[in-house]
Amino acid sequence: TKKLNRKELKYVSKRILEALSTLHED
């Protein structure tokens, strides 16, 4: 619908990686 700006890009990327890091830790 609307391309992410730079802050949004890093905002969502960080949260996806945080979720994956939690799963991957175990």
mmCIF file of all heavy atoms, coordinates in Angstrom:
data_MODEL
# 
_entry.id   MODEL 
# 
loop_
_atom_site.group_PDB 
_atom_site.id 
_atom_site.type_symbol 
_atom_site.label_atom_id 
_atom_site.label_alt_id 
_atom_site.label_comp_id 
_atom_site.label_asym_id 
_atom_site.label_entity_id 
_atom_site.label_seq_id 
_atom_site.pdbx_PDB_ins_code 
_atom_site.Cartn_x 
_atom_site.Cartn_y 
_atom_site.Cartn_z 
_atom_site.occupancy 
_atom_site.B_iso_or_equiv 
_atom_site.pdbx_formal_charge 
_atom_site.auth_seq_id 
_atom_site.auth_comp_id 
_atom_site.auth_asym_id 
_atom_site.auth_atom_id 
_atom_site.pdbx_PDB_model_num 
ATOM 1   N N   . THR A 1 1  ? 0.825  -1.207  0.000  1.00 0.00 ? 1  THR A N   1 
ATOM 2   C CA  . THR A 1 1  ? 0.000  0.000   0.000  1.00 0.00 ? 1  THR A CA  1 
ATOM 3   C C   . THR A 1 1  ? 0.860  1.258   0.000  1.00 0.00 ? 1  THR A C   1 
ATOM 4   O O   . THR A 1 1  ? 0.581  2.226   -0.717 1.00 0.00 ? 1  THR A O   1 
ATOM 5   C CB  . THR A 1 1  ? -0.921 0.011   1.241  1.00 0.00 ? 1  THR A CB  1 
ATOM 6   O OG1 . THR A 1 1  ? -1.738 -1.174  1.223  1.00 0.00 ? 1  THR A OG1 1 
ATOM 7   C CG2 . THR A 1 1  ? -1.802 1.241   1.250  1.00 0.00 ? 1  THR A CG2 1 
ATOM 8   N N   . LYS A 1 2  ? 1.926  1.240   0.800  1.00 0.00 ? 2  LYS A N   1 
ATOM 9   C CA  . LYS A 1 2  ? 2.836  2.386   0.885  1.00 0.00 ? 2  LYS A CA  1 
ATOM 10  C C   . LYS A 1 2  ? 4.218  1.877   1.255  1.00 0.00 ? 2  LYS A C   1 
ATOM 11  O O   . LYS A 1 2  ? 4.392  1.228   2.285  1.00 0.00 ? 2  LYS A O   1 
ATOM 12  C CB  . LYS A 1 2  ? 2.347  3.393   1.933  1.00 0.00 ? 2  LYS A CB  1 
ATOM 13  C CG  . LYS A 1 2  ? 3.212  4.633   2.037  1.00 0.00 ? 2  LYS A CG  1 
ATOM 14  C CD  . LYS A 1 2  ? 2.686  5.571   3.112  1.00 0.00 ? 2  LYS A CD  1 
ATOM 15  C CE  . LYS A 1 2  ? 3.584  6.797   3.259  1.00 0.00 ? 2  LYS A CE  1 
ATOM 16  N NZ  . LYS A 1 2  ? 3.092  7.696   4.343  1.00 0.00 ? 2  LYS A NZ  1 
ATOM 17  N N   . LYS A 1 3  ? 5.191  2.185   0.420  1.00 0.00 ? 3  LYS A N   1 
ATOM 18  C CA  . LYS A 1 3  ? 6.562  1.738   0.661  1.00 0.00 ? 3  LYS A CA  1 
ATOM 19  C C   . LYS A 1 3  ? 7.070  2.240   2.008  1.00 0.00 ? 3  LYS A C   1 
ATOM 20  O O   . LYS A 1 3  ? 6.825  3.385   2.390  1.00 0.00 ? 3  LYS A O   1 
ATOM 21  C CB  . LYS A 1 3  ? 7.485  2.232   -0.454 1.00 0.00 ? 3  LYS A CB  1 
ATOM 22  C CG  . LYS A 1 3  ? 8.921  1.758   -0.335 1.00 0.00 ? 3  LYS A CG  1 
ATOM 23  C CD  . LYS A 1 3  ? 9.759  2.272   -1.500 1.00 0.00 ? 3  LYS A CD  1 
ATOM 24  C CE  . LYS A 1 3  ? 11.217 1.862   -1.353 1.00 0.00 ? 3  LYS A CE  1 
ATOM 25  N NZ  . LYS A 1 3  ? 12.045 2.362   -2.490 1.00 0.00 ? 3  LYS A NZ  1 
ATOM 26  N N   . LEU A 1 4  ? 7.784  1.382   2.723  1.00 0.00 ? 4  LEU A N   1 
ATOM 27  C CA  . LEU A 1 4  ? 8.318  1.757   4.030  1.00 0.00 ? 4  LEU A CA  1 
ATOM 28  C C   . LEU A 1 4  ? 9.440  2.786   3.876  1.00 0.00 ? 4  LEU A C   1 
ATOM 29  O O   . LEU A 1 4  ? 10.262 2.682   2.954  1.00 0.00 ? 4  LEU A O   1 
ATOM 30  C CB  . LEU A 1 4  ? 8.867  0.529   4.758  1.00 0.00 ? 4  LEU A CB  1 
ATOM 31  C CG  . LEU A 1 4  ? 7.879  -0.292  5.604  1.00 0.00 ? 4  LEU A CG  1 
ATOM 32  C CD1 . LEU A 1 4  ? 6.759  -0.863  4.772  1.00 0.00 ? 4  LEU A CD1 1 
ATOM 33  C CD2 . LEU A 1 4  ? 8.621  -1.406  6.347  1.00 0.00 ? 4  LEU A CD2 1 
ATOM 34  N N   . ASN A 1 5  ? 9.468  3.761   4.783  1.00 0.00 ? 5  ASN A N   1 
ATOM 35  C CA  . ASN A 1 5  ? 10.598 4.681   4.810  1.00 0.00 ? 5  ASN A CA  1 
ATOM 36  C C   . ASN A 1 5  ? 11.763 4.035   5.555  1.00 0.00 ? 5  ASN A C   1 
ATOM 37  O O   . ASN A 1 5  ? 11.652 2.917   6.057  1.00 0.00 ? 5  ASN A O   1 
ATOM 38  C CB  . ASN A 1 5  ? 10.193 6.030   5.409  1.00 0.00 ? 5  ASN A CB  1 
ATOM 39  C CG  . ASN A 1 5  ? 9.755  5.926   6.871  1.00 0.00 ? 5  ASN A CG  1 
ATOM 40  O OD1 . ASN A 1 5  ? 10.324 5.164   7.655  1.00 0.00 ? 5  ASN A OD1 1 
ATOM 41  N ND2 . ASN A 1 5  ? 8.737  6.698   7.246  1.00 0.00 ? 5  ASN A ND2 1 
ATOM 42  N N   . ARG A 1 6  ? 12.891 4.729   5.645  1.00 0.00 ? 6  ARG A N   1 
ATOM 43  C CA  . ARG A 1 6  ? 14.089 4.137   6.234  1.00 0.00 ? 6  ARG A CA  1 
ATOM 44  C C   . ARG A 1 6  ? 13.884 3.733   7.695  1.00 0.00 ? 6  ARG A C   1 
ATOM 45  O O   . ARG A 1 6  ? 14.312 2.665   8.122  1.00 0.00 ? 6  ARG A O   1 
ATOM 46  C CB  . ARG A 1 6  ? 15.260 5.126   6.148  1.00 0.00 ? 6  ARG A CB  1 
ATOM 47  C CG  . ARG A 1 6  ? 15.686 5.476   4.754  1.00 0.00 ? 6  ARG A CG  1 
ATOM 48  C CD  . ARG A 1 6  ? 16.220 4.297   4.003  1.00 0.00 ? 6  ARG A CD  1 
ATOM 49  N NE  . ARG A 1 6  ? 17.408 3.719   4.611  1.00 0.00 ? 6  ARG A NE  1 
ATOM 50  C CZ  . ARG A 1 6  ? 17.953 2.577   4.241  1.00 0.00 ? 6  ARG A CZ  1 
ATOM 51  N NH1 . ARG A 1 6  ? 17.406 1.860   3.285  1.00 0.00 ? 6  ARG A NH1 1 
ATOM 52  N NH2 . ARG A 1 6  ? 19.044 2.124   4.834  1.00 0.00 ? 6  ARG A NH2 1 
ATOM 53  N N   . LYS A 1 7  ? 13.240 4.597   8.464  1.00 0.00 ? 7  LYS A N   1 
ATOM 54  C CA  . LYS A 1 7  ? 13.028 4.275   9.871  1.00 0.00 ? 7  LYS A CA  1 
ATOM 55  C C   . LYS A 1 7  ? 12.094 3.088   10.022 1.00 0.00 ? 7  LYS A C   1 
ATOM 56  O O   . LYS A 1 7  ? 12.311 2.206   10.860 1.00 0.00 ? 7  LYS A O   1 
ATOM 57  C CB  . LYS A 1 7  ? 12.478 5.489   10.614 1.00 0.00 ? 7  LYS A CB  1 
ATOM 58  C CG  . LYS A 1 7  ? 13.520 6.569   10.890 1.00 0.00 ? 7  LYS A CG  1 
ATOM 59  C CD  . LYS A 1 7  ? 12.979 7.609   11.852 1.00 0.00 ? 7  LYS A CD  1 
ATOM 60  C CE  . LYS A 1 7  ? 14.070 8.613   12.229 1.00 0.00 ? 7  LYS A CE  1 
ATOM 61  N NZ  . LYS A 1 7  ? 13.570 9.617   13.202 1.00 0.00 ? 7  LYS A NZ  1 
ATOM 62  N N   . GLU A 1 8  ? 11.049 3.037   9.207  1.00 0.00 ? 8  GLU A N   1 
ATOM 63  C CA  . GLU A 1 8  ? 10.120 1.909   9.271  1.00 0.00 ? 8  GLU A CA  1 
ATOM 64  C C   . GLU A 1 8  ? 10.813 0.611   8.884  1.00 0.00 ? 8  GLU A C   1 
ATOM 65  O O   . GLU A 1 8  ? 10.577 -0.438  9.494  1.00 0.00 ? 8  GLU A O   1 
ATOM 66  C CB  . GLU A 1 8  ? 8.930  2.168   8.353  1.00 0.00 ? 8  GLU A CB  1 
ATOM 67  C CG  . GLU A 1 8  ? 8.002  3.264   8.846  1.00 0.00 ? 8  GLU A CG  1 
ATOM 68  C CD  . GLU A 1 8  ? 6.933  3.631   7.839  1.00 0.00 ? 8  GLU A CD  1 
ATOM 69  O OE1 . GLU A 1 8  ? 7.145  3.393   6.628  1.00 0.00 ? 8  GLU A OE1 1 
ATOM 70  O OE2 . GLU A 1 8  ? 5.893  4.175   8.256  1.00 0.00 ? 8  GLU A OE2 1 
ATOM 71  N N   . LEU A 1 9  ? 11.668 0.683   7.865  1.00 0.00 ? 9  LEU A N   1 
ATOM 72  C CA  . LEU A 1 9  ? 12.384 -0.507  7.402  1.00 0.00 ? 9  LEU A CA  1 
ATOM 73  C C   . LEU A 1 9  ? 13.206 -1.121  8.532  1.00 0.00 ? 9  LEU A C   1 
ATOM 74  O O   . LEU A 1 9  ? 13.171 -2.339  8.759  1.00 0.00 ? 9  LEU A O   1 
ATOM 75  C CB  . LEU A 1 9  ? 13.287 -0.127  6.229  1.00 0.00 ? 9  LEU A CB  1 
ATOM 76  C CG  . LEU A 1 9  ? 14.152 -1.240  5.642  1.00 0.00 ? 9  LEU A CG  1 
ATOM 77  C CD1 . LEU A 1 9  ? 13.279 -2.303  4.993  1.00 0.00 ? 9  LEU A CD1 1 
ATOM 78  C CD2 . LEU A 1 9  ? 15.145 -0.664  4.632  1.00 0.00 ? 9  LEU A CD2 1 
ATOM 79  N N   . LYS A 1 10 ? 13.928 -0.300  9.259  1.00 0.00 ? 10 LYS A N   1 
ATOM 80  C CA  . LYS A 1 10 ? 14.775 -0.812  10.331 1.00 0.00 ? 10 LYS A CA  1 
ATOM 81  C C   . LYS A 1 10 ? 13.950 -1.153  11.580 1.00 0.00 ? 10 LYS A C   1 
ATOM 82  O O   . LYS A 1 10 ? 14.294 -2.088  12.312 1.00 0.00 ? 10 LYS A O   1 
ATOM 83  C CB  . LYS A 1 10 ? 15.872 0.205   10.638 1.00 0.00 ? 10 LYS A CB  1 
ATOM 84  C CG  . LYS A 1 10 ? 16.779 0.414   9.435  1.00 0.00 ? 10 LYS A CG  1 
ATOM 85  C CD  . LYS A 1 10 ? 18.018 1.217   9.737  1.00 0.00 ? 10 LYS A CD  1 
ATOM 86  C CE  . LYS A 1 10 ? 18.873 1.359   8.477  1.00 0.00 ? 10 LYS A CE  1 
ATOM 87  N NZ  . LYS A 1 10 ? 20.171 2.024   8.742  1.00 0.00 ? 10 LYS A NZ  1 
ATOM 88  N N   . TYR A 1 11 ? 12.867 -0.431  11.778 1.00 0.00 ? 11 TYR A N   1 
ATOM 89  C CA  . TYR A 1 11 ? 11.967 -0.697  12.893 1.00 0.00 ? 11 TYR A CA  1 
ATOM 90  C C   . TYR A 1 11 ? 11.383 -2.103  12.792 1.00 0.00 ? 11 TYR A C   1 
ATOM 91  O O   . TYR A 1 11 ? 11.426 -2.885  13.750 1.00 0.00 ? 11 TYR A O   1 
ATOM 92  C CB  . TYR A 1 11 ? 10.853 0.350   12.880 1.00 0.00 ? 11 TYR A CB  1 
ATOM 93  C CG  . TYR A 1 11 ? 9.857  0.296   14.009 1.00 0.00 ? 11 TYR A CG  1 
ATOM 94  C CD1 . TYR A 1 11 ? 10.109 0.915   15.232 1.00 0.00 ? 11 TYR A CD1 1 
ATOM 95  C CD2 . TYR A 1 11 ? 8.622  -0.326  13.838 1.00 0.00 ? 11 TYR A CD2 1 
ATOM 96  C CE1 . TYR A 1 11 ? 9.174  0.903   16.250 1.00 0.00 ? 11 TYR A CE1 1 
ATOM 97  C CE2 . TYR A 1 11 ? 7.682  -0.349  14.861 1.00 0.00 ? 11 TYR A CE2 1 
ATOM 98  C CZ  . TYR A 1 11 ? 7.962  0.274   16.059 1.00 0.00 ? 11 TYR A CZ  1 
ATOM 99  O OH  . TYR A 1 11 ? 7.027  0.252   17.073 1.00 0.00 ? 11 TYR A OH  1 
ATOM 100 N N   . VAL A 1 12 ? 10.841 -2.457  11.627 1.00 0.00 ? 12 VAL A N   1 
ATOM 101 C CA  . VAL A 1 12 ? 10.233 -3.780  11.478 1.00 0.00 ? 12 VAL A CA  1 
ATOM 102 C C   . VAL A 1 12 ? 11.299 -4.871  11.393 1.00 0.00 ? 12 VAL A C   1 
ATOM 103 O O   . VAL A 1 12 ? 11.112 -5.970  11.930 1.00 0.00 ? 12 VAL A O   1 
ATOM 104 C CB  . VAL A 1 12 ? 9.282  -3.844  10.257 1.00 0.00 ? 12 VAL A CB  1 
ATOM 105 C CG1 . VAL A 1 12 ? 8.182  -2.791  10.374 1.00 0.00 ? 12 VAL A CG1 1 
ATOM 106 C CG2 . VAL A 1 12 ? 10.023 -3.687  8.949  1.00 0.00 ? 12 VAL A CG2 1 
ATOM 107 N N   . SER A 1 13 ? 12.432 -4.581  10.749 1.00 0.00 ? 13 SER A N   1 
ATOM 108 C CA  . SER A 1 13 ? 13.491 -5.582  10.627 1.00 0.00 ? 13 SER A CA  1 
ATOM 109 C C   . SER A 1 13 ? 14.017 -5.985  12.000 1.00 0.00 ? 13 SER A C   1 
ATOM 110 O O   . SER A 1 13 ? 14.261 -7.178  12.263 1.00 0.00 ? 13 SER A O   1 
ATOM 111 C CB  . SER A 1 13 ? 14.639 -5.036  9.781  1.00 0.00 ? 13 SER A CB  1 
ATOM 112 O OG  . SER A 1 13 ? 14.229 -4.806  8.451  1.00 0.00 ? 13 SER A OG  1 
ATOM 113 N N   . LYS A 1 14 ? 14.199 -5.006  12.856 1.00 0.00 ? 14 LYS A N   1 
ATOM 114 C CA  . LYS A 1 14 ? 14.695 -5.300  14.194 1.00 0.00 ? 14 LYS A CA  1 
ATOM 115 C C   . LYS A 1 14 ? 13.749 -6.212  14.949 1.00 0.00 ? 14 LYS A C   1 
ATOM 116 O O   . LYS A 1 14 ? 14.168 -7.153  15.631 1.00 0.00 ? 14 LYS A O   1 
ATOM 117 C CB  . LYS A 1 14 ? 14.902 -4.002  14.965 1.00 0.00 ? 14 LYS A CB  1 
ATOM 118 C CG  . LYS A 1 14 ? 15.560 -4.196  16.322 1.00 0.00 ? 14 LYS A CG  1 
ATOM 119 C CD  . LYS A 1 14 ? 15.846 -2.855  16.990 1.00 0.00 ? 14 LYS A CD  1 
ATOM 120 C CE  . LYS A 1 14 ? 16.574 -3.050  18.315 1.00 0.00 ? 14 LYS A CE  1 
ATOM 121 N NZ  . LYS A 1 14 ? 16.862 -1.763  18.984 1.00 0.00 ? 14 LYS A NZ  1 
ATOM 122 N N   . ARG A 1 15 ? 12.466 -5.988  14.816 1.00 0.00 ? 15 ARG A N   1 
ATOM 123 C CA  . ARG A 1 15 ? 11.482 -6.782  15.546 1.00 0.00 ? 15 ARG A CA  1 
ATOM 124 C C   . ARG A 1 15 ? 11.353 -8.198  14.997 1.00 0.00 ? 15 ARG A C   1 
ATOM 125 O O   . ARG A 1 15 ? 11.168 -9.149  15.757 1.00 0.00 ? 15 ARG A O   1 
ATOM 126 C CB  . ARG A 1 15 ? 10.144 -6.044  15.545 1.00 0.00 ? 15 ARG A CB  1 
ATOM 127 C CG  . ARG A 1 15 ? 10.131 -4.936  16.582 1.00 0.00 ? 15 ARG A CG  1 
ATOM 128 C CD  . ARG A 1 15 ? 9.262  -3.742  16.217 1.00 0.00 ? 15 ARG A CD  1 
ATOM 129 N NE  . ARG A 1 15 ? 9.307  -2.780  17.318 1.00 0.00 ? 15 ARG A NE  1 
ATOM 130 C CZ  . ARG A 1 15 ? 10.344 -1.966  17.562 1.00 0.00 ? 15 ARG A CZ  1 
ATOM 131 N NH1 . ARG A 1 15 ? 11.413 -2.001  16.771 1.00 0.00 ? 15 ARG A NH1 1 
ATOM 132 N NH2 . ARG A 1 15 ? 10.322 -1.123  18.580 1.00 0.00 ? 15 ARG A NH2 1 
ATOM 133 N N   . ILE A 1 16 ? 11.450 -8.345  13.691 1.00 0.00 ? 16 ILE A N   1 
ATOM 134 C CA  . ILE A 1 16 ? 11.443 -9.693  13.120 1.00 0.00 ? 16 ILE A CA  1 
ATOM 135 C C   . ILE A 1 16 ? 12.653 -10.477 13.619 1.00 0.00 ? 16 ILE A C   1 
ATOM 136 O O   . ILE A 1 16 ? 12.545 -11.641 14.028 1.00 0.00 ? 16 ILE A O   1 
ATOM 137 C CB  . ILE A 1 16 ? 11.442 -9.634  11.578 1.00 0.00 ? 16 ILE A CB  1 
ATOM 138 C CG1 . ILE A 1 16 ? 10.178 -8.951  11.068 1.00 0.00 ? 16 ILE A CG1 1 
ATOM 139 C CG2 . ILE A 1 16 ? 11.548 -11.051 10.998 1.00 0.00 ? 16 ILE A CG2 1 
ATOM 140 C CD1 . ILE A 1 16 ? 10.213 -8.625  9.578  1.00 0.00 ? 16 ILE A CD1 1 
ATOM 141 N N   . LEU A 1 17 ? 13.807 -9.837  13.607 1.00 0.00 ? 17 LEU A N   1 
ATOM 142 C CA  . LEU A 1 17 ? 15.023 -10.503 14.069 1.00 0.00 ? 17 LEU A CA  1 
ATOM 143 C C   . LEU A 1 17 ? 14.976 -10.810 15.564 1.00 0.00 ? 17 LEU A C   1 
ATOM 144 O O   . LEU A 1 17 ? 15.496 -11.843 16.008 1.00 0.00 ? 17 LEU A O   1 
ATOM 145 C CB  . LEU A 1 17 ? 16.247 -9.644  13.740 1.00 0.00 ? 17 LEU A CB  1 
ATOM 146 C CG  . LEU A 1 17 ? 16.659 -9.615  12.273 1.00 0.00 ? 17 LEU A CG  1 
ATOM 147 C CD1 . LEU A 1 17 ? 17.752 -8.573  12.047 1.00 0.00 ? 17 LEU A CD1 1 
ATOM 148 C CD2 . LEU A 1 17 ? 17.131 -10.993 11.797 1.00 0.00 ? 17 LEU A CD2 1 
ATOM 149 N N   . GLU A 1 18 ? 14.363 -9.925  16.344 1.00 0.00 ? 18 GLU A N   1 
ATOM 150 C CA  . GLU A 1 18 ? 14.217 -10.194 17.780 1.00 0.00 ? 18 GLU A CA  1 
ATOM 151 C C   . GLU A 1 18 ? 13.382 -11.447 18.001 1.00 0.00 ? 18 GLU A C   1 
ATOM 152 O O   . GLU A 1 18 ? 13.709 -12.289 18.854 1.00 0.00 ? 18 GLU A O   1 
ATOM 153 C CB  . GLU A 1 18 ? 13.581 -8.996  18.482 1.00 0.00 ? 18 GLU A CB  1 
ATOM 154 C CG  . GLU A 1 18 ? 14.458 -7.762  18.583 1.00 0.00 ? 18 GLU A CG  1 
ATOM 155 C CD  . GLU A 1 18 ? 15.460 -7.835  19.719 1.00 0.00 ? 18 GLU A CD  1 
ATOM 156 O OE1 . GLU A 1 18 ? 15.592 -8.905  20.347 1.00 0.00 ? 18 GLU A OE1 1 
ATOM 157 O OE2 . GLU A 1 18 ? 16.129 -6.808  19.961 1.00 0.00 ? 18 GLU A OE2 1 
ATOM 158 N N   . ALA A 1 19 ? 12.295 -11.591 17.247 1.00 0.00 ? 19 ALA A N   1 
ATOM 159 C CA  . ALA A 1 19 ? 11.452 -12.787 17.370 1.00 0.00 ? 19 ALA A CA  1 
ATOM 160 C C   . ALA A 1 19 ? 12.228 -14.034 16.967 1.00 0.00 ? 19 ALA A C   1 
ATOM 161 O O   . ALA A 1 19 ? 12.190 -15.063 17.657 1.00 0.00 ? 19 ALA A O   1 
ATOM 162 C CB  . ALA A 1 19 ? 10.199 -12.634 16.511 1.00 0.00 ? 19 ALA A CB  1 
ATOM 163 N N   . LEU A 1 20 ? 12.940 -13.948 15.844 1.00 0.00 ? 20 LEU A N   1 
ATOM 164 C CA  . LEU A 1 20 ? 13.722 -15.096 15.382 1.00 0.00 ? 20 LEU A CA  1 
ATOM 165 C C   . LEU A 1 20 ? 14.834 -15.441 16.358 1.00 0.00 ? 20 LEU A C   1 
ATOM 166 O O   . LEU A 1 20 ? 15.100 -16.625 16.614 1.00 0.00 ? 20 LEU A O   1 
ATOM 167 C CB  . LEU A 1 20 ? 14.301 -14.809 13.993 1.00 0.00 ? 20 LEU A CB  1 
ATOM 168 C CG  . LEU A 1 20 ? 13.299 -14.747 12.847 1.00 0.00 ? 20 LEU A CG  1 
ATOM 169 C CD1 . LEU A 1 20 ? 14.001 -14.392 11.546 1.00 0.00 ? 20 LEU A CD1 1 
ATOM 170 C CD2 . LEU A 1 20 ? 12.539 -16.063 12.700 1.00 0.00 ? 20 LEU A CD2 1 
ATOM 171 N N   . SER A 1 21 ? 15.476 -14.434 16.912 1.00 0.00 ? 21 SER A N   1 
ATOM 172 C CA  . SER A 1 21 ? 16.552 -14.685 17.870 1.00 0.00 ? 21 SER A CA  1 
ATOM 173 C C   . SER A 1 21 ? 16.047 -15.471 19.076 1.00 0.00 ? 21 SER A C   1 
ATOM 174 O O   . SER A 1 21 ? 16.729 -16.380 19.574 1.00 0.00 ? 21 SER A O   1 
ATOM 175 C CB  . SER A 1 21 ? 17.173 -13.359 18.317 1.00 0.00 ? 21 SER A CB  1 
ATOM 176 O OG  . SER A 1 21 ? 18.226 -13.573 19.219 1.00 0.00 ? 21 SER A OG  1 
ATOM 177 N N   . THR A 1 22 ? 14.848 -15.153 19.528 1.00 0.00 ? 22 THR A N   1 
ATOM 178 C CA  . THR A 1 22 ? 14.260 -15.865 20.668 1.00 0.00 ? 22 THR A CA  1 
ATOM 179 C C   . THR A 1 22 ? 13.996 -17.330 20.323 1.00 0.00 ? 22 THR A C   1 
ATOM 180 O O   . THR A 1 22 ? 14.335 -18.232 21.100 1.00 0.00 ? 22 THR A O   1 
ATOM 181 C CB  . THR A 1 22 ? 12.953 -15.181 21.107 1.00 0.00 ? 22 THR A CB  1 
ATOM 182 O OG1 . THR A 1 22 ? 13.225 -13.831 21.476 1.00 0.00 ? 22 THR A OG1 1 
ATOM 183 C CG2 . THR A 1 22 ? 12.330 -15.903 22.290 1.00 0.00 ? 22 THR A CG2 1 
ATOM 184 N N   . LEU A 1 23 ? 13.417 -17.571 19.154 1.00 0.00 ? 23 LEU A N   1 
ATOM 185 C CA  . LEU A 1 23 ? 13.170 -18.955 18.724 1.00 0.00 ? 23 LEU A CA  1 
ATOM 186 C C   . LEU A 1 23 ? 14.488 -19.705 18.531 1.00 0.00 ? 23 LEU A C   1 
ATOM 187 O O   . LEU A 1 23 ? 14.647 -20.846 18.981 1.00 0.00 ? 23 LEU A O   1 
ATOM 188 C CB  . LEU A 1 23 ? 12.376 -18.964 17.421 1.00 0.00 ? 23 LEU A CB  1 
ATOM 189 C CG  . LEU A 1 23 ? 10.941 -18.433 17.460 1.00 0.00 ? 23 LEU A CG  1 
ATOM 190 C CD1 . LEU A 1 23 ? 10.364 -18.377 16.045 1.00 0.00 ? 23 LEU A CD1 1 
ATOM 191 C CD2 . LEU A 1 23 ? 10.054 -19.289 18.350 1.00 0.00 ? 23 LEU A CD2 1 
ATOM 192 N N   . HIS A 1 24 ? 15.421 -19.064 17.858 1.00 0.00 ? 24 HIS A N   1 
ATOM 193 C CA  . HIS A 1 24 ? 16.680 -19.723 17.509 1.00 0.00 ? 24 HIS A CA  1 
ATOM 194 C C   . HIS A 1 24 ? 17.547 -20.011 18.727 1.00 0.00 ? 24 HIS A C   1 
ATOM 195 O O   . HIS A 1 24 ? 18.347 -20.953 18.712 1.00 0.00 ? 24 HIS A O   1 
ATOM 196 C CB  . HIS A 1 24 ? 17.460 -18.863 16.512 1.00 0.00 ? 24 HIS A CB  1 
ATOM 197 C CG  . HIS A 1 24 ? 16.783 -18.724 15.185 1.00 0.00 ? 24 HIS A CG  1 
ATOM 198 N ND1 . HIS A 1 24 ? 17.295 -17.953 14.153 1.00 0.00 ? 24 HIS A ND1 1 
ATOM 199 C CD2 . HIS A 1 24 ? 15.637 -19.278 14.696 1.00 0.00 ? 24 HIS A CD2 1 
ATOM 200 C CE1 . HIS A 1 24 ? 16.492 -18.033 13.108 1.00 0.00 ? 24 HIS A CE1 1 
ATOM 201 N NE2 . HIS A 1 24 ? 15.477 -18.829 13.411 1.00 0.00 ? 24 HIS A NE2 1 
ATOM 202 N N   . GLU A 1 25 ? 17.377 -19.208 19.767 1.00 0.00 ? 25 GLU A N   1 
ATOM 203 C CA  . GLU A 1 25 ? 18.152 -19.430 20.992 1.00 0.00 ? 25 GLU A CA  1 
ATOM 204 C C   . GLU A 1 25 ? 17.923 -20.833 21.540 1.00 0.00 ? 25 GLU A C   1 
ATOM 205 O O   . GLU A 1 25 ? 18.826 -21.454 22.111 1.00 0.00 ? 25 GLU A O   1 
ATOM 206 C CB  . GLU A 1 25 ? 17.776 -18.387 22.044 1.00 0.00 ? 25 GLU A CB  1 
ATOM 207 C CG  . GLU A 1 25 ? 18.590 -18.457 23.317 1.00 0.00 ? 25 GLU A CG  1 
ATOM 208 C CD  . GLU A 1 25 ? 18.222 -17.369 24.313 1.00 0.00 ? 25 GLU A CD  1 
ATOM 209 O OE1 . GLU A 1 25 ? 17.283 -16.596 24.042 1.00 0.00 ? 25 GLU A OE1 1 
ATOM 210 O OE2 . GLU A 1 25 ? 18.872 -17.305 25.382 1.00 0.00 ? 25 GLU A OE2 1 
ATOM 211 N N   . ASP A 1 26 ? 16.695 -21.340 21.364 1.00 0.00 ? 26 ASP A N   1 
ATOM 212 C CA  . ASP A 1 26 ? 16.377 -22.701 21.808 1.00 0.00 ? 26 ASP A CA  1 
ATOM 213 C C   . ASP A 1 26 ? 16.421 -23.703 20.660 1.00 0.00 ? 26 ASP A C   1 
ATOM 214 O O   . ASP A 1 26 ? 15.954 -24.845 20.799 1.00 0.00 ? 26 ASP A O   1 
ATOM 215 C CB  . ASP A 1 26 ? 14.981 -22.730 22.435 1.00 0.00 ? 26 ASP A CB  1 
ATOM 216 C CG  . ASP A 1 26 ? 14.964 -22.136 23.839 1.00 0.00 ? 26 ASP A CG  1 
ATOM 217 O OD1 . ASP A 1 26 ? 15.980 -21.535 24.234 1.00 0.00 ? 26 ASP A OD1 1 
ATOM 218 O OD2 . ASP A 1 26 ? 13.928 -22.261 24.524 1.00 0.00 ? 26 ASP A OD2 1 
# 
